[in-house]
Amino acid sequence: MSEVNVIIRTADQTRKAEVSLDISNTGADVIQASVDNWSLPTDTDYSLVSTSSGKTITPNSTLGKNEIKDGDILEVQPVLVAG
């Protein structure tokens, strides 16, 4: 198994953490850990975006499949629902 060192932050950049993650972790794993660790609102849906590529990491897709590398910044963004 391989690991990458990444920075995870919230979209408003009030929370930030440098972590080592296994490349087999999924987008959903990272989002759930962020919600739990930072006590983010649980009634909100979130997406995970790689700021280096600008691509959204889908919940069931792994970090390895998305070619996440050491030093990448992953941003947890709330999904805004117009209504």
PDB file of N, CA and C in Angstrom:
ATOM      1  N   MET A   1       0.843  -1.185   0.000  1.00  0.00           N
ATOM      2  CA  MET A   1       0.000   0.000   0.000  1.00  0.00           C
ATOM      3  C   MET A   1       0.885   1.245   0.000  1.00  0.00           C
ATOM      4  N   SER A   2       0.373   2.247  -0.628  1.00  0.00           N
ATOM      5  CA  SER A   2       1.148   3.460  -0.775  1.00  0.00           C
ATOM      6  C   SER A   2       0.395   4.626  -0.156  1.00  0.00           C
ATOM      7  N   GLU A   3       1.145   5.581   0.348  1.00  0.00           N
ATOM      8  CA  GLU A   3       0.526   6.738   0.978  1.00  0.00           C
ATOM      9  C   GLU A   3       0.959   8.020   0.279  1.00  0.00           C
ATOM     10  N   VAL A   4       0.128   9.045   0.399  1.00  0.00           N
ATOM     11  CA  VAL A   4       0.463  10.381  -0.089  1.00  0.00           C
ATOM     12  C   VAL A   4       0.274  11.370   1.054  1.00  0.00           C
ATOM     13  N   ASN A   5       1.120  12.380   1.082  1.00  0.00           N
ATOM     14  CA  ASN A   5       0.987  13.461   2.056  1.00  0.00           C
ATOM     15  C   ASN A   5       0.280  14.616   1.374  1.00  0.00           C
ATOM     16  N   VAL A   6      -0.904  14.943   1.871  1.00  0.00           N
ATOM     17  CA  VAL A   6      -1.712  15.990   1.251  1.00  0.00           C
ATOM     18  C   VAL A   6      -2.174  16.981   2.307  1.00  0.00           C
ATOM     19  N   ILE A   7      -2.654  18.102   1.835  1.00  0.00           N
ATOM     20  CA  ILE A   7      -3.274  19.095   2.712  1.00  0.00           C
ATOM     21  C   ILE A   7      -4.770  19.074   2.417  1.00  0.00           C
ATOM     22  N   ILE A   8      -5.546  18.926   3.459  1.00  0.00           N
ATOM     23  CA  ILE A   8      -7.003  18.967   3.323  1.00  0.00           C
ATOM     24  C   ILE A   8      -7.455  20.269   3.975  1.00  0.00           C
ATOM     25  N   ARG A   9      -8.322  20.982   3.281  1.00  0.00           N
ATOM     26  CA  ARG A   9      -8.828  22.234   3.841  1.00  0.00           C
ATOM     27  C   ARG A   9     -10.295  22.403   3.476  1.00  0.00           C
ATOM     28  N   THR A  10     -10.938  23.289   4.228  1.00  0.00           N
ATOM     29  CA  THR A  10     -12.321  23.619   3.903  1.00  0.00           C
ATOM     30  C   THR A  10     -12.312  24.721   2.843  1.00  0.00           C
ATOM     31  N   ALA A  11     -13.420  24.880   2.149  1.00  0.00           N
ATOM     32  CA  ALA A  11     -13.508  25.862   1.068  1.00  0.00           C
ATOM     33  C   ALA A  11     -13.253  27.284   1.567  1.00  0.00           C
ATOM     34  N   ASP A  12     -13.690  27.582   2.793  1.00  0.00           N
ATOM     35  CA  ASP A  12     -13.463  28.929   3.338  1.00  0.00           C
ATOM     36  C   ASP A  12     -12.073  29.062   3.969  1.00  0.00           C
ATOM     37  N   GLN A  13     -11.312  27.988   3.949  1.00  0.00           N
ATOM     38  CA  GLN A  13      -9.927  27.912   4.432  1.00  0.00           C
ATOM     39  C   GLN A  13      -9.782  28.216   5.926  1.00  0.00           C
ATOM     40  N   THR A  14     -10.857  28.019   6.697  1.00  0.00           N
ATOM     41  CA  THR A  14     -10.762  28.217   8.139  1.00  0.00           C
ATOM     42  C   THR A  14     -10.184  26.984   8.829  1.00  0.00           C
ATOM     43  N   ARG A  15     -10.258  25.849   8.151  1.00  0.00           N
ATOM     44  CA  ARG A  15      -9.710  24.615   8.711  1.00  0.00           C
ATOM     45  C   ARG A  15      -8.762  24.001   7.695  1.00  0.00           C
ATOM     46  N   LYS A  16      -7.639  23.492   8.216  1.00  0.00           N
ATOM     47  CA  LYS A  16      -6.621  22.958   7.323  1.00  0.00           C
ATOM     48  C   LYS A  16      -5.812  21.920   8.093  1.00  0.00           C
ATOM     49  N   ALA A  17      -5.466  20.821   7.422  1.00  0.00           N
ATOM     50  CA  ALA A  17      -4.669  19.783   8.070  1.00  0.00           C
ATOM     51  C   ALA A  17      -3.770  19.110   7.042  1.00  0.00           C
ATOM     52  N   GLU A  18      -2.543  18.841   7.457  1.00  0.00           N
ATOM     53  CA  GLU A  18      -1.630  18.081   6.617  1.00  0.00           C
ATOM     54  C   GLU A  18      -1.683  16.638   7.103  1.00  0.00           C
ATOM     55  N   VAL A  19      -2.036  15.727   6.202  1.00  0.00           N
ATOM     56  CA  VAL A  19      -2.249  14.343   6.599  1.00  0.00           C
ATOM     57  C   VAL A  19      -1.611  13.387   5.596  1.00  0.00           C
ATOM     58  N   SER A  20      -1.350  12.166   6.073  1.00  0.00           N
ATOM     59  CA  SER A  20      -0.931  11.083   5.189  1.00  0.00           C
ATOM     60  C   SER A  20      -2.129  10.183   4.970  1.00  0.00           C
ATOM     61  N   LEU A  21      -2.459   9.951   3.705  1.00  0.00           N
ATOM     62  CA  LEU A  21      -3.610   9.119   3.372  1.00  0.00           C
ATOM     63  C   LEU A  21      -3.172   7.982   2.464  1.00  0.00           C
ATOM     64  N   ASP A  22      -3.818   6.844   2.619  1.00  0.00           N
ATOM     65  CA  ASP A  22      -3.576   5.725   1.723  1.00  0.00           C
ATOM     66  C   ASP A  22      -4.227   6.039   0.388  1.00  0.00           C
ATOM     67  N   ILE A  23      -3.561   5.702  -0.712  1.00  0.00           N
ATOM     68  CA  ILE A  23      -4.119   6.021  -2.024  1.00  0.00           C
ATOM     69  C   ILE A  23      -5.377   5.207  -2.328  1.00  0.00           C
ATOM     70  N   SER A  24      -5.658   4.194  -1.494  1.00  0.00           N
ATOM     71  CA  SER A  24      -6.891   3.418  -1.688  1.00  0.00           C
ATOM     72  C   SER A  24      -8.094   4.086  -1.023  1.00  0.00           C
ATOM     73  N   ASN A  25      -7.873   5.170  -0.268  1.00  0.00           N
ATOM     74  CA  ASN A  25      -8.994   5.909   0.328  1.00  0.00           C
ATOM     75  C   ASN A  25      -9.837   6.528  -0.779  1.00  0.00           C
ATOM     76  N   THR A  26     -11.133   6.578  -0.543  1.00  0.00           N
ATOM     77  CA  THR A  26     -12.039   7.172  -1.522  1.00  0.00           C
ATOM     78  C   THR A  26     -12.348   8.617  -1.151  1.00  0.00           C
ATOM     79  N   GLY A  27     -12.957   9.323  -2.085  1.00  0.00           N
ATOM     80  CA  GLY A  27     -13.395  10.685  -1.804  1.00  0.00           C
ATOM     81  C   GLY A  27     -14.330  10.728  -0.610  1.00  0.00           C
ATOM     82  N   ALA A  28     -15.235   9.757  -0.540  1.00  0.00           N
ATOM     83  CA  ALA A  28     -16.183   9.690   0.584  1.00  0.00           C
ATOM     84  C   ALA A  28     -15.463   9.501   1.915  1.00  0.00           C
ATOM     85  N   ASP A  29     -14.389   8.690   1.928  1.00  0.00           N
ATOM     86  CA  ASP A  29     -13.605   8.475   3.156  1.00  0.00           C
ATOM     87  C   ASP A  29     -13.026   9.794   3.665  1.00  0.00           C
ATOM     88  N   VAL A  30     -12.447  10.552   2.753  1.00  0.00           N
ATOM     89  CA  VAL A  30     -11.802  11.818   3.116  1.00  0.00           C
ATOM     90  C   VAL A  30     -12.833  12.824   3.597  1.00  0.00           C
ATOM     91  N   ILE A  31     -13.966  12.902   2.905  1.00  0.00           N
ATOM     92  CA  ILE A  31     -15.027  13.833   3.304  1.00  0.00           C
ATOM     93  C   ILE A  31     -15.561  13.460   4.686  1.00  0.00           C
ATOM     94  N   GLN A  32     -15.828  12.176   4.907  1.00  0.00           N
ATOM     95  CA  GLN A  32     -16.380  11.751   6.198  1.00  0.00           C
ATOM     96  C   GLN A  32     -15.406  12.029   7.336  1.00  0.00           C
ATOM     97  N   ALA A  33     -14.127  11.775   7.120  1.00  0.00           N
ATOM     98  CA  ALA A  33     -13.124  12.043   8.152  1.00  0.00           C
ATOM     99  C   ALA A  33     -13.051  13.540   8.452  1.00  0.00           C
ATOM    100  N   SER A  34     -13.165  14.363   7.421  1.00  0.00           N
ATOM    101  CA  SER A  34     -13.127  15.818   7.613  1.00  0.00           C
ATOM    102  C   SER A  34     -14.342  16.292   8.401  1.00  0.00           C
ATOM    103  N   VAL A  35     -15.523  15.790   8.041  1.00  0.00           N
ATOM    104  CA  VAL A  35     -16.750  16.157   8.751  1.00  0.00           C
ATOM    105  C   VAL A  35     -16.638  15.759  10.226  1.00  0.00           C
ATOM    106  N   ASP A  36     -16.145  14.552  10.472  1.00  0.00           N
ATOM    107  CA  ASP A  36     -16.012  14.067  11.849  1.00  0.00           C
ATOM    108  C   ASP A  36     -14.981  14.867  12.643  1.00  0.00           C
ATOM    109  N   ASN A  37     -13.797  15.056  12.070  1.00  0.00           N
ATOM    110  CA  ASN A  37     -12.701  15.718  12.786  1.00  0.00           C
ATOM    111  C   ASN A  37     -12.956  17.197  13.039  1.00  0.00           C
ATOM    112  N   TRP A  38     -13.609  17.856  12.097  1.00  0.00           N
ATOM    113  CA  TRP A  38     -13.822  19.292  12.220  1.00  0.00           C
ATOM    114  C   TRP A  38     -15.235  19.647  12.650  1.00  0.00           C
ATOM    115  N   SER A  39     -16.041  18.659  12.974  1.00  0.00           N
ATOM    116  CA  SER A  39     -17.425  18.886  13.390  1.00  0.00           C
ATOM    117  C   SER A  39     -18.175  19.775  12.395  1.00  0.00           C
ATOM    118  N   LEU A  40     -18.029  19.452  11.122  1.00  0.00           N
ATOM    119  CA  LEU A  40     -18.752  20.185  10.083  1.00  0.00           C
ATOM    120  C   LEU A  40     -20.221  19.791  10.119  1.00  0.00           C
ATOM    121  N   PRO A  41     -21.108  20.655   9.638  1.00  0.00           N
ATOM    122  CA  PRO A  41     -22.538  20.322   9.650  1.00  0.00           C
ATOM    123  C   PRO A  41     -22.810  19.006   8.916  1.00  0.00           C
ATOM    124  N   THR A  42     -23.564  18.127   9.557  1.00  0.00           N
ATOM    125  CA  THR A  42     -23.853  16.823   8.955  1.00  0.00           C
ATOM    126  C   THR A  42     -25.076  16.860   8.046  1.00  0.00           C
ATOM    127  N   ASP A  43     -25.796  17.977   8.046  1.00  0.00           N
ATOM    128  CA  ASP A  43     -26.972  18.076   7.171  1.00  0.00           C
ATOM    129  C   ASP A  43     -26.616  18.722   5.826  1.00  0.00           C
ATOM    130  N   THR A  44     -25.315  18.774   5.522  1.00  0.00           N
ATOM    131  CA  THR A  44     -24.827  19.365   4.276  1.00  0.00           C
ATOM    132  C   THR A  44     -24.102  18.292   3.474  1.00  0.00           C
ATOM    133  N   ASP A  45     -24.289  18.316   2.160  1.00  0.00           N
ATOM    134  CA  ASP A  45     -23.514  17.430   1.287  1.00  0.00           C
ATOM    135  C   ASP A  45     -22.228  18.145   0.902  1.00  0.00           C
ATOM    136  N   TYR A  46     -21.156  17.360   0.736  1.00  0.00           N
ATOM    137  CA  TYR A  46     -19.851  17.925   0.416  1.00  0.00           C
ATOM    138  C   TYR A  46     -19.263  17.247  -0.811  1.00  0.00           C
ATOM    139  N   SER A  47     -18.409  17.998  -1.492  1.00  0.00           N
ATOM    140  CA  SER A  47     -17.631  17.415  -2.576  1.00  0.00           C
ATOM    141  C   SER A  47     -16.159  17.619  -2.236  1.00  0.00           C
ATOM    142  N   LEU A  48     -15.307  16.814  -2.856  1.00  0.00           N
ATOM    143  CA  LEU A  48     -13.868  16.897  -2.633  1.00  0.00           C
ATOM    144  C   LEU A  48     -13.218  17.272  -3.955  1.00  0.00           C
ATOM    145  N   VAL A  49     -12.457  18.368  -3.934  1.00  0.00           N
ATOM    146  CA  VAL A  49     -11.861  18.886  -5.163  1.00  0.00           C
ATOM    147  C   VAL A  49     -10.349  18.982  -4.998  1.00  0.00           C
ATOM    148  N   SER A  50      -9.628  18.495  -5.988  1.00  0.00           N
ATOM    149  CA  SER A  50      -8.177  18.669  -6.038  1.00  0.00           C
ATOM    150  C   SER A  50      -7.919  20.051  -6.611  1.00  0.00           C
ATOM    151  N   THR A  51      -7.288  20.923  -5.827  1.00  0.00           N
ATOM    152  CA  THR A  51      -7.068  22.288  -6.307  1.00  0.00           C
ATOM    153  C   THR A  51      -6.000  22.337  -7.396  1.00  0.00           C
ATOM    154  N   SER A  52      -5.119  21.343  -7.464  1.00  0.00           N
ATOM    155  CA  SER A  52      -4.078  21.365  -8.495  1.00  0.00           C
ATOM    156  C   SER A  52      -4.641  21.036  -9.876  1.00  0.00           C
ATOM    157  N   SER A  53      -5.617  20.133  -9.926  1.00  0.00           N
ATOM    158  CA  SER A  53      -6.194  19.761 -11.218  1.00  0.00           C
ATOM    159  C   SER A  53      -7.548  20.422 -11.464  1.00  0.00           C
ATOM    160  N   GLY A  54      -8.181  20.890 -10.381  1.00  0.00           N
ATOM    161  CA  GLY A  54      -9.508  21.470 -10.506  1.00  0.00           C
ATOM    162  C   GLY A  54     -10.601  20.433 -10.649  1.00  0.00           C
ATOM    163  N   LYS A  55     -10.240  19.157 -10.513  1.00  0.00           N
ATOM    164  CA  LYS A  55     -11.213  18.080 -10.712  1.00  0.00           C
ATOM    165  C   LYS A  55     -11.850  17.667  -9.392  1.00  0.00           C
ATOM    166  N   THR A  56     -13.125  17.335  -9.473  1.00  0.00           N
ATOM    167  CA  THR A  56     -13.834  16.802  -8.321  1.00  0.00           C
ATOM    168  C   THR A  56     -13.550  15.312  -8.212  1.00  0.00           C
ATOM    169  N   ILE A  57     -13.231  14.866  -7.007  1.00  0.00           N
ATOM    170  CA  ILE A  57     -13.001  13.449  -6.751  1.00  0.00           C
ATOM    171  C   ILE A  57     -14.342  12.860  -6.338  1.00  0.00           C
ATOM    172  N   THR A  58     -14.870  11.966  -7.141  1.00  0.00           N
ATOM    173  CA  THR A  58     -16.180  11.391  -6.841  1.00  0.00           C
ATOM    174  C   THR A  58     -16.099  10.550  -5.570  1.00  0.00           C
ATOM    175  N   PRO A  59     -17.220  10.421  -4.847  1.00  0.00           N
ATOM    176  CA  PRO A  59     -17.208   9.716  -3.562  1.00  0.00           C
ATOM    177  C   PRO A  59     -16.662   8.293  -3.631  1.00  0.00           C
ATOM    178  N   ASN A  60     -16.928   7.561  -4.716  1.00  0.00           N
ATOM    179  CA  ASN A  60     -16.493   6.161  -4.772  1.00  0.00           C
ATOM    180  C   ASN A  60     -15.176   5.972  -5.510  1.00  0.00           C
ATOM    181  N   SER A  61     -14.522   7.068  -5.884  1.00  0.00           N
ATOM    182  CA  SER A  61     -13.258   7.006  -6.606  1.00  0.00           C
ATOM    183  C   SER A  61     -12.094   7.152  -5.620  1.00  0.00           C
ATOM    184  N   THR A  62     -11.010   6.417  -5.863  1.00  0.00           N
ATOM    185  CA  THR A  62      -9.872   6.449  -4.935  1.00  0.00           C
ATOM    186  C   THR A  62      -8.931   7.603  -5.248  1.00  0.00           C
ATOM    187  N   LEU A  63      -8.100   7.920  -4.259  1.00  0.00           N
ATOM    188  CA  LEU A  63      -7.100   8.968  -4.461  1.00  0.00           C
ATOM    189  C   LEU A  63      -6.102   8.545  -5.535  1.00  0.00           C
ATOM    190  N   GLY A  64      -5.742   7.266  -5.538  1.00  0.00           N
ATOM    191  CA  GLY A  64      -4.802   6.756  -6.537  1.00  0.00           C
ATOM    192  C   GLY A  64      -5.337   6.888  -7.949  1.00  0.00           C
ATOM    193  N   LYS A  65      -6.607   6.560  -8.126  1.00  0.00           N
ATOM    194  CA  LYS A  65      -7.228   6.651  -9.452  1.00  0.00           C
ATOM    195  C   LYS A  65      -7.265   8.090  -9.953  1.00  0.00           C
ATOM    196  N   ASN A  66      -7.342   9.032  -9.020  1.00  0.00           N
ATOM    197  CA  ASN A  66      -7.371  10.449  -9.372  1.00  0.00           C
ATOM    198  C   ASN A  66      -5.971  11.063  -9.446  1.00  0.00           C
ATOM    199  N   GLU A  67      -4.951  10.219  -9.331  1.00  0.00           N
ATOM    200  CA  GLU A  67      -3.547  10.641  -9.448  1.00  0.00           C
ATOM    201  C   GLU A  67      -3.180  11.744  -8.457  1.00  0.00           C
ATOM    202  N   ILE A  68      -3.665  11.594  -7.215  1.00  0.00           N
ATOM    203  CA  ILE A  68      -3.314  12.536  -6.158  1.00  0.00           C
ATOM    204  C   ILE A  68      -1.863  12.276  -5.761  1.00  0.00           C
ATOM    205  N   LYS A  69      -1.089  13.353  -5.649  1.00  0.00           N
ATOM    206  CA  LYS A  69       0.344  13.242  -5.364  1.00  0.00           C
ATOM    207  C   LYS A  69       0.690  13.983  -4.079  1.00  0.00           C
ATOM    208  N   ASP A  70       1.893  13.696  -3.559  1.00  0.00           N
ATOM    209  CA  ASP A  70       2.375  14.403  -2.374  1.00  0.00           C
ATOM    210  C   ASP A  70       2.292  15.915  -2.595  1.00  0.00           C
ATOM    211  N   GLY A  71       1.797  16.604  -1.584  1.00  0.00           N
ATOM    212  CA  GLY A  71       1.734  18.056  -1.641  1.00  0.00           C
ATOM    213  C   GLY A  71       0.454  18.610  -2.242  1.00  0.00           C
ATOM    214  N   ASP A  72      -0.392  17.746  -2.814  1.00  0.00           N
ATOM    215  CA  ASP A  72      -1.653  18.228  -3.385  1.00  0.00           C
ATOM    216  C   ASP A  72      -2.555  18.774  -2.282  1.00  0.00           C
ATOM    217  N   ILE A  73      -3.389  19.730  -2.652  1.00  0.00           N
ATOM    218  CA  ILE A  73      -4.373  20.294  -1.721  1.00  0.00           C
ATOM    219  C   ILE A  73      -5.747  19.788  -2.129  1.00  0.00           C
ATOM    220  N   LEU A  74      -6.423  19.171  -1.168  1.00  0.00           N
ATOM    221  CA  LEU A  74      -7.785  18.679  -1.394  1.00  0.00           C
ATOM    222  C   LEU A  74      -8.733  19.570  -0.601  1.00  0.00           C
ATOM    223  N   GLU A  75      -9.729  20.083  -1.270  1.00  0.00           N
ATOM    224  CA  GLU A  75     -10.646  21.025  -0.641  1.00  0.00           C
ATOM    225  C   GLU A  75     -12.017  20.395  -0.463  1.00  0.00           C
ATOM    226  N   VAL A  76     -12.516  20.430   0.761  1.00  0.00           N
ATOM    227  CA  VAL A  76     -13.862  19.939   1.077  1.00  0.00           C
ATOM    228  C   VAL A  76     -14.809  21.120   0.896  1.00  0.00           C
ATOM    229  N   GLN A  77     -15.688  21.000  -0.108  1.00  0.00           N
ATOM    230  CA  GLN A  77     -16.583  22.099  -0.452  1.00  0.00           C
ATOM    231  C   GLN A  77     -18.032  21.692  -0.227  1.00  0.00           C
ATOM    232  N   PRO A  78     -18.817  22.560   0.402  1.00  0.00           N
ATOM    233  CA  PRO A  78     -20.248  22.253   0.543  1.00  0.00           C
ATOM    234  C   PRO A  78     -20.919  22.306  -0.819  1.00  0.00           C
ATOM    235  N   VAL A  79     -21.846  21.387  -1.040  1.00  0.00           N
ATOM    236  CA  VAL A  79     -22.609  21.381  -2.278  1.00  0.00           C
ATOM    237  C   VAL A  79     -23.830  22.262  -2.045  1.00  0.00           C
ATOM    238  N   LEU A  80     -23.886  23.351  -2.787  1.00  0.00           N
ATOM    239  CA  LEU A  80     -24.990  24.288  -2.626  1.00  0.00           C
ATOM    240  C   LEU A  80     -26.152  23.863  -3.491  1.00  0.00           C
ATOM    241  N   VAL A  81     -27.324  23.753  -2.880  1.00  0.00           N
ATOM    242  CA  VAL A  81     -28.513  23.339  -3.584  1.00  0.00           C
ATOM    243  C   VAL A  81     -29.424  24.547  -3.740  1.00  0.00           C
ATOM    244  N   ALA A  82     -29.669  24.903  -4.980  1.00  0.00           N
ATOM    245  CA  ALA A  82     -30.565  26.045  -5.224  1.00  0.00           C
ATOM    246  C   ALA A  82     -32.003  25.602  -4.990  1.00  0.00           C
ATOM    247  N   GLY A  83     -32.775  26.410  -4.368  1.00  0.00           N
ATOM    248  CA  GLY A  83     -34.131  25.985  -4.104  1.00  0.00           C
ATOM    249  C   GLY A  83     -34.970  27.135  -3.818  1.00  0.00           C
TER     250      GLY A  83
END
